[in-house]
N, C-alpha and C. Protein backbone atom coordinates (compact mmCIF):
# COMPACT_ATOMS: atom_id res chain seq x y z
N MET A 1 -3.67 0.96 -7.97
CA MET A 1 -3.13 1.88 -8.01
C MET A 1 -1.58 2.61 -8.48
N THR A 2 -2.01 4.00 -9.26
CA THR A 2 -0.41 4.34 -9.83
C THR A 2 0.42 5.18 -9.64
N GLU A 3 1.69 5.27 -9.36
CA GLU A 3 2.76 6.39 -8.85
C GLU A 3 3.40 6.97 -10.22
N THR A 4 3.85 7.97 -10.33
CA THR A 4 4.57 8.12 -11.01
C THR A 4 6.25 8.42 -10.16
N SER A 5 7.17 8.07 -11.29
CA SER A 5 8.23 7.43 -10.42
C SER A 5 9.49 7.75 -11.31
N SER A 6 10.56 7.60 -11.01
CA SER A 6 11.91 8.16 -11.24
C SER A 6 12.57 6.56 -11.41
N PHE A 7 12.56 5.69 -10.93
CA PHE A 7 12.66 4.42 -10.49
C PHE A 7 11.81 3.33 -11.97
N SER A 8 12.93 2.44 -12.02
CA SER A 8 12.82 1.87 -13.71
C SER A 8 11.09 0.42 -13.28
N GLU A 9 10.93 0.21 -13.83
CA GLU A 9 9.82 -0.92 -13.16
C GLU A 9 9.73 -1.97 -13.00
N GLU A 10 11.60 -2.55 -12.98
CA GLU A 10 11.77 -3.65 -12.24
C GLU A 10 12.95 -2.79 -11.28
N PRO A 11 12.63 -3.43 -9.97
CA PRO A 11 13.92 -2.70 -9.05
C PRO A 11 15.48 -3.49 -9.02
N ASP A 12 16.40 -2.96 -9.25
CA ASP A 12 17.66 -4.07 -8.93
C ASP A 12 17.39 -4.53 -7.79
N TRP A 13 17.58 -5.87 -7.64
CA TRP A 13 17.72 -6.24 -6.21
C TRP A 13 18.69 -6.40 -5.86
N ASP A 14 19.90 -6.60 -7.28
CA ASP A 14 21.49 -6.51 -6.36
C ASP A 14 21.52 -5.06 -5.82
N ALA A 15 20.95 -4.18 -6.36
CA ALA A 15 21.66 -2.73 -5.90
C ALA A 15 20.92 -2.08 -4.90
N ALA A 16 19.90 -2.75 -4.16
CA ALA A 16 19.12 -2.30 -3.13
C ALA A 16 19.85 -2.06 -2.01
N PRO A 17 19.18 -1.19 -1.48
CA PRO A 17 20.17 -0.43 -0.33
C PRO A 17 20.21 -1.32 0.84
N PRO A 18 21.85 -1.33 1.31
CA PRO A 18 22.00 -2.42 2.89
C PRO A 18 20.79 -2.87 3.67
N VAL A 19 20.43 -3.63 4.23
CA VAL A 19 19.52 -4.56 5.16
C VAL A 19 20.05 -3.58 6.15
N GLY A 20 18.69 -2.60 7.06
CA GLY A 20 18.65 -1.66 8.22
C GLY A 20 19.16 -0.44 8.31
N THR A 21 18.97 -0.06 6.61
CA THR A 21 19.22 1.49 6.72
C THR A 21 18.11 2.09 5.88
N PRO A 22 17.78 3.43 6.93
CA PRO A 22 16.68 4.43 6.24
C PRO A 22 16.26 4.07 4.68
N GLU A 23 17.60 4.18 4.21
CA GLU A 23 17.90 4.24 2.38
C GLU A 23 16.55 2.58 2.32
N ARG A 24 17.04 1.84 2.83
CA ARG A 24 16.51 0.38 2.04
C ARG A 24 14.86 0.63 2.78
N ALA A 25 14.70 0.49 3.80
CA ALA A 25 12.82 1.21 4.23
C ALA A 25 12.07 2.22 3.13
N LEU A 26 13.04 2.89 3.04
CA LEU A 26 12.15 4.05 1.65
C LEU A 26 11.97 2.87 0.35
N TRP A 27 13.17 2.19 -0.04
CA TRP A 27 13.08 1.31 -1.38
C TRP A 27 12.02 0.63 -0.88
N LEU A 28 12.12 0.03 -0.08
CA LEU A 28 10.78 -0.82 0.05
C LEU A 28 9.05 -0.39 0.16
N ALA A 29 9.35 0.96 0.56
CA ALA A 29 8.05 1.51 0.56
C ALA A 29 8.10 2.12 -1.25
N HIS A 30 9.26 2.28 -1.92
CA HIS A 30 8.49 2.96 -3.04
C HIS A 30 7.94 1.46 -3.96
N TRP A 31 8.84 0.65 -3.68
CA TRP A 31 8.38 -0.65 -4.46
C TRP A 31 7.23 -1.13 -4.05
N HIS A 32 6.90 -1.18 -2.61
CA HIS A 32 5.48 -1.78 -2.57
C HIS A 32 4.21 -0.97 -3.47
N PHE A 33 4.39 0.80 -3.29
CA PHE A 33 3.32 1.24 -4.02
C PHE A 33 3.16 0.57 -5.49
N ALA A 34 4.75 0.95 -5.75
CA ALA A 34 5.14 0.65 -7.50
C ALA A 34 4.32 -0.82 -8.38
N PHE A 35 4.42 -1.55 -7.10
CA PHE A 35 3.56 -2.97 -7.52
C PHE A 35 2.47 -3.08 -6.97
N GLU A 36 1.58 -1.84 -6.27
CA GLU A 36 0.28 -2.40 -5.48
C GLU A 36 -0.85 -2.36 -6.63
N ASN A 37 -0.25 -3.16 -7.66
CA ASN A 37 -1.35 -3.39 -9.03
C ASN A 37 -1.50 -4.82 -9.11
N PRO A 38 -2.55 -5.33 -9.92
CA PRO A 38 -2.95 -6.51 -9.89
C PRO A 38 -2.05 -7.26 -11.20
N HIS A 39 -1.10 -6.66 -11.54
CA HIS A 39 -0.57 -6.86 -12.89
C HIS A 39 0.97 -7.32 -12.34
N GLN A 40 0.90 -6.91 -10.86
CA GLN A 40 2.80 -7.05 -10.41
C GLN A 40 2.28 -7.65 -8.77
N LEU A 41 1.43 -8.53 -8.51
CA LEU A 41 1.56 -8.93 -7.02
C LEU A 41 2.93 -10.06 -6.90
N ASP A 42 3.02 -10.45 -8.11
CA ASP A 42 4.40 -11.52 -7.45
C ASP A 42 5.37 -10.66 -7.26
N MET A 43 5.61 -9.47 -7.78
CA MET A 43 6.52 -8.08 -7.43
C MET A 43 6.43 -7.98 -5.84
N LEU A 44 5.20 -7.41 -5.72
CA LEU A 44 4.77 -6.86 -3.90
C LEU A 44 5.56 -8.32 -2.96
N GLU A 45 4.91 -9.22 -3.17
CA GLU A 45 5.00 -10.44 -2.46
C GLU A 45 6.77 -10.70 -2.38
N LYS A 46 7.48 -10.17 -2.79
CA LYS A 46 8.90 -10.73 -2.66
C LYS A 46 9.28 -9.56 -1.53
N LEU A 47 8.71 -8.42 -1.65
CA LEU A 47 9.14 -7.40 -0.50
C LEU A 47 8.60 -7.81 0.99
N TYR A 48 7.57 -9.24 0.83
CA TYR A 48 6.93 -9.52 2.46
C TYR A 48 7.73 -10.35 3.27
N HIS A 49 7.69 -9.97 4.20
CA HIS A 49 8.20 -11.11 5.06
C HIS A 49 7.11 -12.16 5.15
N ASP A 50 7.77 -13.44 5.39
CA ASP A 50 6.76 -14.25 5.24
C ASP A 50 5.24 -14.34 6.44
N ASP A 51 5.81 -13.69 7.34
CA ASP A 51 4.90 -13.67 8.81
C ASP A 51 4.31 -11.87 8.47
N ILE A 52 4.08 -11.53 7.11
CA ILE A 52 3.57 -10.02 7.08
C ILE A 52 2.07 -9.90 7.78
N VAL A 53 1.94 -8.82 8.36
CA VAL A 53 0.44 -8.58 8.83
C VAL A 53 -0.10 -6.72 8.53
N TRP A 54 -0.86 -7.35 7.99
CA TRP A 54 -1.48 -5.33 7.18
C TRP A 54 -2.89 -5.50 8.04
N GLU A 55 -2.46 -4.17 9.07
CA GLU A 55 -3.72 -4.11 9.66
C GLU A 55 -4.55 -2.48 8.95
N VAL A 56 -6.00 -2.61 9.09
CA VAL A 56 -6.30 -1.53 9.05
C VAL A 56 -7.27 -0.88 9.99
N PRO A 57 -6.61 0.17 11.38
CA PRO A 57 -7.69 0.01 12.06
C PRO A 57 -8.36 0.68 12.75
N GLY A 58 -8.84 1.58 11.30
CA GLY A 58 -10.41 2.39 11.01
C GLY A 58 -11.35 1.96 10.70
N ARG A 59 -11.24 0.17 9.97
CA ARG A 59 -11.94 -0.44 9.25
C ARG A 59 -12.06 -1.33 10.36
N ARG A 60 -11.12 -1.68 11.25
CA ARG A 60 -11.23 -3.29 11.72
C ARG A 60 -11.11 -3.66 11.42
N GLN A 61 -9.81 -3.91 10.47
CA GLN A 61 -9.31 -4.88 9.23
C GLN A 61 -8.02 -5.52 9.40
N ILE A 62 -7.71 -6.96 9.59
CA ILE A 62 -6.26 -7.73 10.39
C ILE A 62 -6.07 -8.52 8.72
N TYR A 63 -4.70 -8.68 8.48
CA TYR A 63 -4.57 -9.84 7.30
C TYR A 63 -3.44 -10.56 7.83
N HIS A 64 -3.26 -12.03 7.65
CA HIS A 64 -2.11 -12.42 8.08
C HIS A 64 -1.51 -13.13 7.24
N GLY A 65 -0.23 -12.78 6.81
CA GLY A 65 0.35 -13.86 6.21
C GLY A 65 0.11 -13.45 4.62
N LYS A 66 1.06 -13.33 3.33
CA LYS A 66 1.43 -13.45 1.92
C LYS A 66 0.01 -13.62 1.32
N ARG A 67 -0.71 -14.85 1.39
CA ARG A 67 -1.90 -14.99 0.75
C ARG A 67 -2.63 -14.21 0.89
N ASP A 68 -2.85 -14.61 2.56
CA ASP A 68 -4.17 -13.40 2.88
C ASP A 68 -3.69 -11.76 2.81
N VAL A 69 -2.93 -11.05 2.53
CA VAL A 69 -2.93 -9.77 2.10
C VAL A 69 -2.98 -9.59 0.83
N LEU A 70 -2.25 -10.58 0.15
CA LEU A 70 -2.31 -10.62 -1.74
C LEU A 70 -3.59 -10.72 -2.24
N GLU A 71 -4.39 -11.78 -1.19
CA GLU A 71 -5.39 -11.89 -1.64
C GLU A 71 -6.52 -10.70 -0.85
N ASN A 72 -6.43 -10.06 -0.44
CA ASN A 72 -7.15 -8.99 -0.40
C ASN A 72 -7.23 -7.74 -0.95
N TYR A 73 -5.83 -7.56 -1.63
CA TYR A 73 -5.33 -6.57 -2.73
C TYR A 73 -6.12 -7.08 -4.05
N LEU A 74 -5.98 -7.52 -3.90
CA LEU A 74 -7.48 -8.35 -5.77
C LEU A 74 -8.42 -7.97 -5.53
N ARG A 75 -9.26 -8.08 -4.24
CA ARG A 75 -10.49 -7.34 -4.06
C ARG A 75 -10.20 -5.81 -4.35
N ILE A 76 -9.57 -4.77 -3.42
CA ILE A 76 -9.20 -4.31 -3.22
C ILE A 76 -9.57 -3.47 -4.77
N PHE A 77 -8.29 -4.40 -6.17
CA PHE A 77 -8.67 -4.06 -7.18
C PHE A 77 -10.02 -3.81 -8.05
N GLU A 78 -10.40 -5.06 -7.39
CA GLU A 78 -11.96 -5.32 -8.07
C GLU A 78 -12.84 -4.52 -7.54
N SER A 79 -12.88 -3.88 -6.37
CA SER A 79 -13.60 -2.81 -5.87
C SER A 79 -13.67 -1.27 -5.48
N SER A 80 -12.38 -0.85 -6.91
CA SER A 80 -12.31 0.15 -7.18
C SER A 80 -11.73 0.09 -8.23
N VAL A 81 -12.17 1.34 -9.27
CA VAL A 81 -11.62 1.98 -10.67
C VAL A 81 -11.29 3.45 -10.98
N ASP A 82 -10.39 3.76 -11.74
CA ASP A 82 -9.75 4.74 -12.01
C ASP A 82 -9.24 5.25 -10.44
N SER A 83 -7.89 4.19 -10.19
CA SER A 83 -7.08 4.40 -9.37
C SER A 83 -6.39 5.51 -9.15
N LYS A 84 -5.89 6.34 -8.69
CA LYS A 84 -4.66 7.14 -8.66
C LYS A 84 -4.17 7.37 -7.29
N ARG A 85 -2.68 7.64 -7.51
CA ARG A 85 -1.98 8.23 -5.91
C ARG A 85 -1.24 8.78 -6.00
N THR A 86 -1.43 9.99 -5.33
CA THR A 86 -0.51 11.09 -5.06
C THR A 86 0.72 10.69 -3.52
N THR A 87 1.95 10.93 -3.85
CA THR A 87 2.65 10.71 -2.41
C THR A 87 2.68 12.41 -1.73
N ILE A 88 2.44 12.58 -0.84
CA ILE A 88 2.73 13.75 -0.23
C ILE A 88 4.01 13.84 0.90
N GLU A 89 4.09 12.72 1.31
CA GLU A 89 5.52 12.73 2.57
C GLU A 89 6.18 11.34 2.58
N GLN A 90 6.77 11.28 2.49
CA GLN A 90 8.29 9.59 2.59
C GLN A 90 9.02 10.25 3.64
N TYR A 91 9.01 9.27 4.35
CA TYR A 91 10.57 9.62 5.34
C TYR A 91 10.39 8.26 6.13
N ALA A 92 11.65 7.53 6.49
CA ALA A 92 12.07 6.44 6.85
C ALA A 92 13.08 6.45 8.37
N THR A 93 13.26 5.50 9.27
CA THR A 93 13.90 5.36 9.79
C THR A 93 14.61 3.64 9.74
N LYS A 94 15.42 3.55 10.58
CA LYS A 94 16.42 1.78 9.98
C LYS A 94 15.27 1.21 9.86
N ASP A 95 14.03 1.06 10.91
CA ASP A 95 12.75 -0.33 10.75
C ASP A 95 11.63 0.43 10.79
N ARG A 96 11.46 1.69 10.06
CA ARG A 96 10.32 2.00 9.87
C ARG A 96 10.26 2.98 8.63
N ALA A 97 9.17 2.82 7.16
CA ALA A 97 9.16 3.80 6.56
C ALA A 97 7.44 4.38 6.87
N PHE A 98 7.30 5.86 6.61
CA PHE A 98 6.00 6.06 6.76
C PHE A 98 5.78 6.91 5.28
N ASP A 99 4.54 6.91 4.80
CA ASP A 99 4.15 7.49 4.17
C ASP A 99 2.74 7.96 4.09
N ASP A 100 2.91 8.84 3.40
CA ASP A 100 1.51 10.27 3.56
C ASP A 100 1.32 10.34 1.92
N SER A 101 -0.32 9.38 2.01
CA SER A 101 -0.64 9.46 0.10
C SER A 101 -2.12 10.26 0.23
N GLU A 102 -2.49 10.45 -0.73
CA GLU A 102 -3.71 10.32 -1.15
C GLU A 102 -4.09 9.11 -2.52
N PHE A 103 -5.38 8.98 -2.10
CA PHE A 103 -5.62 7.87 -3.41
C PHE A 103 -7.16 8.33 -3.71
N THR A 104 -7.26 8.51 -4.74
CA THR A 104 -8.77 8.67 -5.18
C THR A 104 -8.84 7.61 -6.27
N PHE A 105 -10.44 7.04 -6.05
CA PHE A 105 -10.78 6.21 -7.24
C PHE A 105 -12.21 6.03 -7.14
N LYS A 106 -12.75 5.35 -7.82
CA LYS A 106 -14.46 4.94 -7.77
C LYS A 106 -14.95 3.86 -6.90
N LEU A 107 -15.22 3.61 -5.98
CA LEU A 107 -15.78 2.79 -5.35
C LEU A 107 -16.82 1.75 -5.80
N VAL A 108 -16.47 0.80 -6.04
CA VAL A 108 -17.53 -0.09 -7.05
C VAL A 108 -17.86 -1.68 -6.31
N ASP A 109 -17.64 -1.67 -5.40
CA ASP A 109 -18.16 -2.95 -4.60
C ASP A 109 -17.64 -2.83 -3.08
N SER A 110 -18.21 -3.38 -2.99
CA SER A 110 -17.41 -3.63 -0.94
C SER A 110 -16.43 -4.45 -0.56
N LYS A 111 -16.24 -5.64 -1.48
CA LYS A 111 -15.39 -6.33 -0.98
C LYS A 111 -13.87 -6.09 -0.21
N GLY A 112 -13.48 -5.26 -1.44
CA GLY A 112 -11.92 -5.18 -1.12
C GLY A 112 -11.80 -4.03 0.27
N PHE A 113 -12.77 -3.80 0.64
CA PHE A 113 -13.02 -2.54 1.37
C PHE A 113 -14.14 -2.64 2.64
N PRO A 114 -13.96 -4.09 3.86
CA PRO A 114 -15.12 -4.34 4.84
C PRO A 114 -14.95 -3.06 5.70
N ASN A 115 -16.13 -2.49 5.66
CA ASN A 115 -16.27 -1.92 7.37
C ASN A 115 -16.23 -0.08 6.52
N HIS A 116 -16.18 0.09 5.11
CA HIS A 116 -16.19 1.20 4.45
C HIS A 116 -16.65 2.61 4.78
N PRO A 117 -16.77 3.61 4.94
CA PRO A 117 -18.17 4.24 5.63
C PRO A 117 -18.67 5.29 4.49
N LEU A 118 -18.33 5.00 3.22
CA LEU A 118 -19.27 5.98 2.46
C LEU A 118 -19.67 4.79 1.60
N PRO A 119 -21.24 5.16 0.44
CA PRO A 119 -21.74 3.84 -0.07
C PRO A 119 -20.72 3.55 -1.46
N VAL A 120 -21.57 2.58 -1.90
CA VAL A 120 -20.70 2.33 -3.23
C VAL A 120 -21.36 2.88 -4.65
N GLY A 121 -20.42 3.55 -5.13
CA GLY A 121 -20.75 4.46 -6.11
C GLY A 121 -19.84 5.56 -5.98
N THR A 122 -19.43 5.95 -5.10
CA THR A 122 -18.76 7.32 -4.59
C THR A 122 -17.71 7.17 -4.90
N ARG A 123 -16.86 8.60 -5.82
CA ARG A 123 -15.60 9.21 -6.09
C ARG A 123 -15.14 9.66 -4.86
N VAL A 124 -14.10 8.51 -4.34
CA VAL A 124 -13.66 8.60 -2.87
C VAL A 124 -11.93 9.27 -3.26
N ASP A 125 -11.93 10.34 -2.03
CA ASP A 125 -10.45 10.89 -1.76
C ASP A 125 -10.36 9.90 -0.04
N LEU A 126 -9.06 9.39 -0.60
CA LEU A 126 -8.34 8.27 0.67
C LEU A 126 -7.35 9.11 1.16
N ARG A 127 -7.32 9.68 1.93
CA ARG A 127 -6.02 9.85 2.48
C ARG A 127 -5.65 8.82 4.05
N VAL A 128 -4.33 8.82 3.57
CA VAL A 128 -3.76 7.03 3.93
C VAL A 128 -2.49 7.23 4.31
N VAL A 129 -2.48 6.92 5.79
CA VAL A 129 -1.35 7.37 6.18
C VAL A 129 -0.51 5.93 6.19
N HIS A 130 0.74 5.37 5.57
CA HIS A 130 1.38 3.79 6.20
C HIS A 130 2.40 4.00 6.96
N ASN A 131 2.66 2.86 7.99
CA ASN A 131 3.42 2.82 8.95
C ASN A 131 4.08 1.41 8.41
N PHE A 132 4.95 1.31 7.20
CA PHE A 132 5.47 0.06 7.43
C PHE A 132 6.58 -0.49 8.47
N HIS A 133 6.63 -1.77 8.68
CA HIS A 133 7.62 -2.48 10.15
C HIS A 133 8.76 -3.11 8.98
N ILE A 134 9.60 -2.93 9.18
CA ILE A 134 10.81 -3.61 8.49
C ILE A 134 11.69 -4.16 8.97
N GLN A 135 11.80 -5.60 9.19
CA GLN A 135 12.64 -6.69 9.62
C GLN A 135 13.23 -7.55 8.72
N ASP A 136 14.45 -7.69 8.79
CA ASP A 136 15.09 -8.90 8.21
C ASP A 136 15.30 -8.25 6.46
N GLY A 137 15.34 -6.76 6.38
CA GLY A 137 14.81 -6.32 4.98
C GLY A 137 13.95 -6.34 4.05
N LEU A 138 12.54 -7.11 4.70
CA LEU A 138 11.49 -6.81 4.18
C LEU A 138 10.25 -6.16 5.08
N ILE A 139 9.06 -5.95 4.72
CA ILE A 139 8.02 -5.64 4.89
C ILE A 139 7.37 -6.64 6.10
N ILE A 140 7.34 -6.40 7.64
CA ILE A 140 6.88 -7.49 8.56
C ILE A 140 5.54 -7.07 8.46
N ARG A 141 4.72 -5.79 8.33
CA ARG A 141 3.62 -5.07 9.02
C ARG A 141 3.78 -3.99 8.12
N GLU A 142 2.40 -4.00 8.26
CA GLU A 142 1.95 -2.91 7.25
C GLU A 142 0.35 -2.08 7.77
N ASN A 143 0.60 -1.03 8.62
CA ASN A 143 -0.46 -0.60 9.04
C ASN A 143 -0.29 0.65 8.24
N GLY A 144 -2.17 0.78 8.40
CA GLY A 144 -2.47 2.00 6.96
C GLY A 144 -4.14 2.68 7.90
N TYR A 145 -3.75 4.12 8.05
CA TYR A 145 -4.53 4.88 8.86
C TYR A 145 -5.24 5.43 7.73
N GLU A 146 -6.59 5.52 7.46
CA GLU A 146 -7.28 6.01 6.62
C GLU A 146 -8.48 7.06 6.76
N MET A 147 -8.36 8.17 6.10
CA MET A 147 -9.35 9.01 6.06
C MET A 147 -9.96 9.06 5.14
N TRP A 148 -11.76 8.66 4.93
CA TRP A 148 -12.21 8.40 3.99
C TRP A 148 -12.91 9.55 3.78
N ARG A 149 -13.21 10.41 2.10
CA ARG A 149 -14.13 11.27 2.16
C ARG A 149 -14.07 11.22 0.91
N PRO A 150 -15.42 12.19 0.55
CA PRO A 150 -15.78 11.88 -0.91
C PRO A 150 -14.97 12.92 -1.79
N ASP A 151 -14.69 12.82 -3.15
CA ASP A 151 -13.75 13.38 -3.64
C ASP A 151 -14.73 14.36 -4.87
N ILE A 152 -14.03 15.30 -4.56
CA ILE A 152 -15.14 16.75 -4.42
C ILE A 152 -14.60 17.47 -5.56
N SER A 153 -13.15 17.32 -6.23
CA SER A 153 -12.28 17.49 -6.70
C SER A 153 -12.96 17.59 -8.72
N TRP A 154 -13.94 16.84 -8.94
CA TRP A 154 -14.55 16.49 -10.40
C TRP A 154 -15.49 16.81 -10.86
């Protein structure tokens, strides 16, 4: 997924906002999406707590631990092409970050999206609200609430 950003490509780990602040939670959400691509999963992994849990309730999927989560990201990248992300809104508390975004992509395979509601081959407009739980300055839980619909913009 792609995102336009005013941040540099590499986070300044020394200048990260203090742990336990809303700014830190937003910083984590920003870099999560910046690193959500097949070439920077090693950087994404650094944002996750060892006990990360990623749940997608609408598709009844849950992933436990860094390896499980990152392997599913690889399946997502294999299952989608022409991906684009647009942020609609982000806000945070000291231990939560919320992100409302729109993803568009062509669904080319089912592996990365078990129980998806649209046929393979569909150009998808996916509205997603992420609820990131923050613990010890890292993402310990990611809940993704998805609304799938065909992309009629093209």
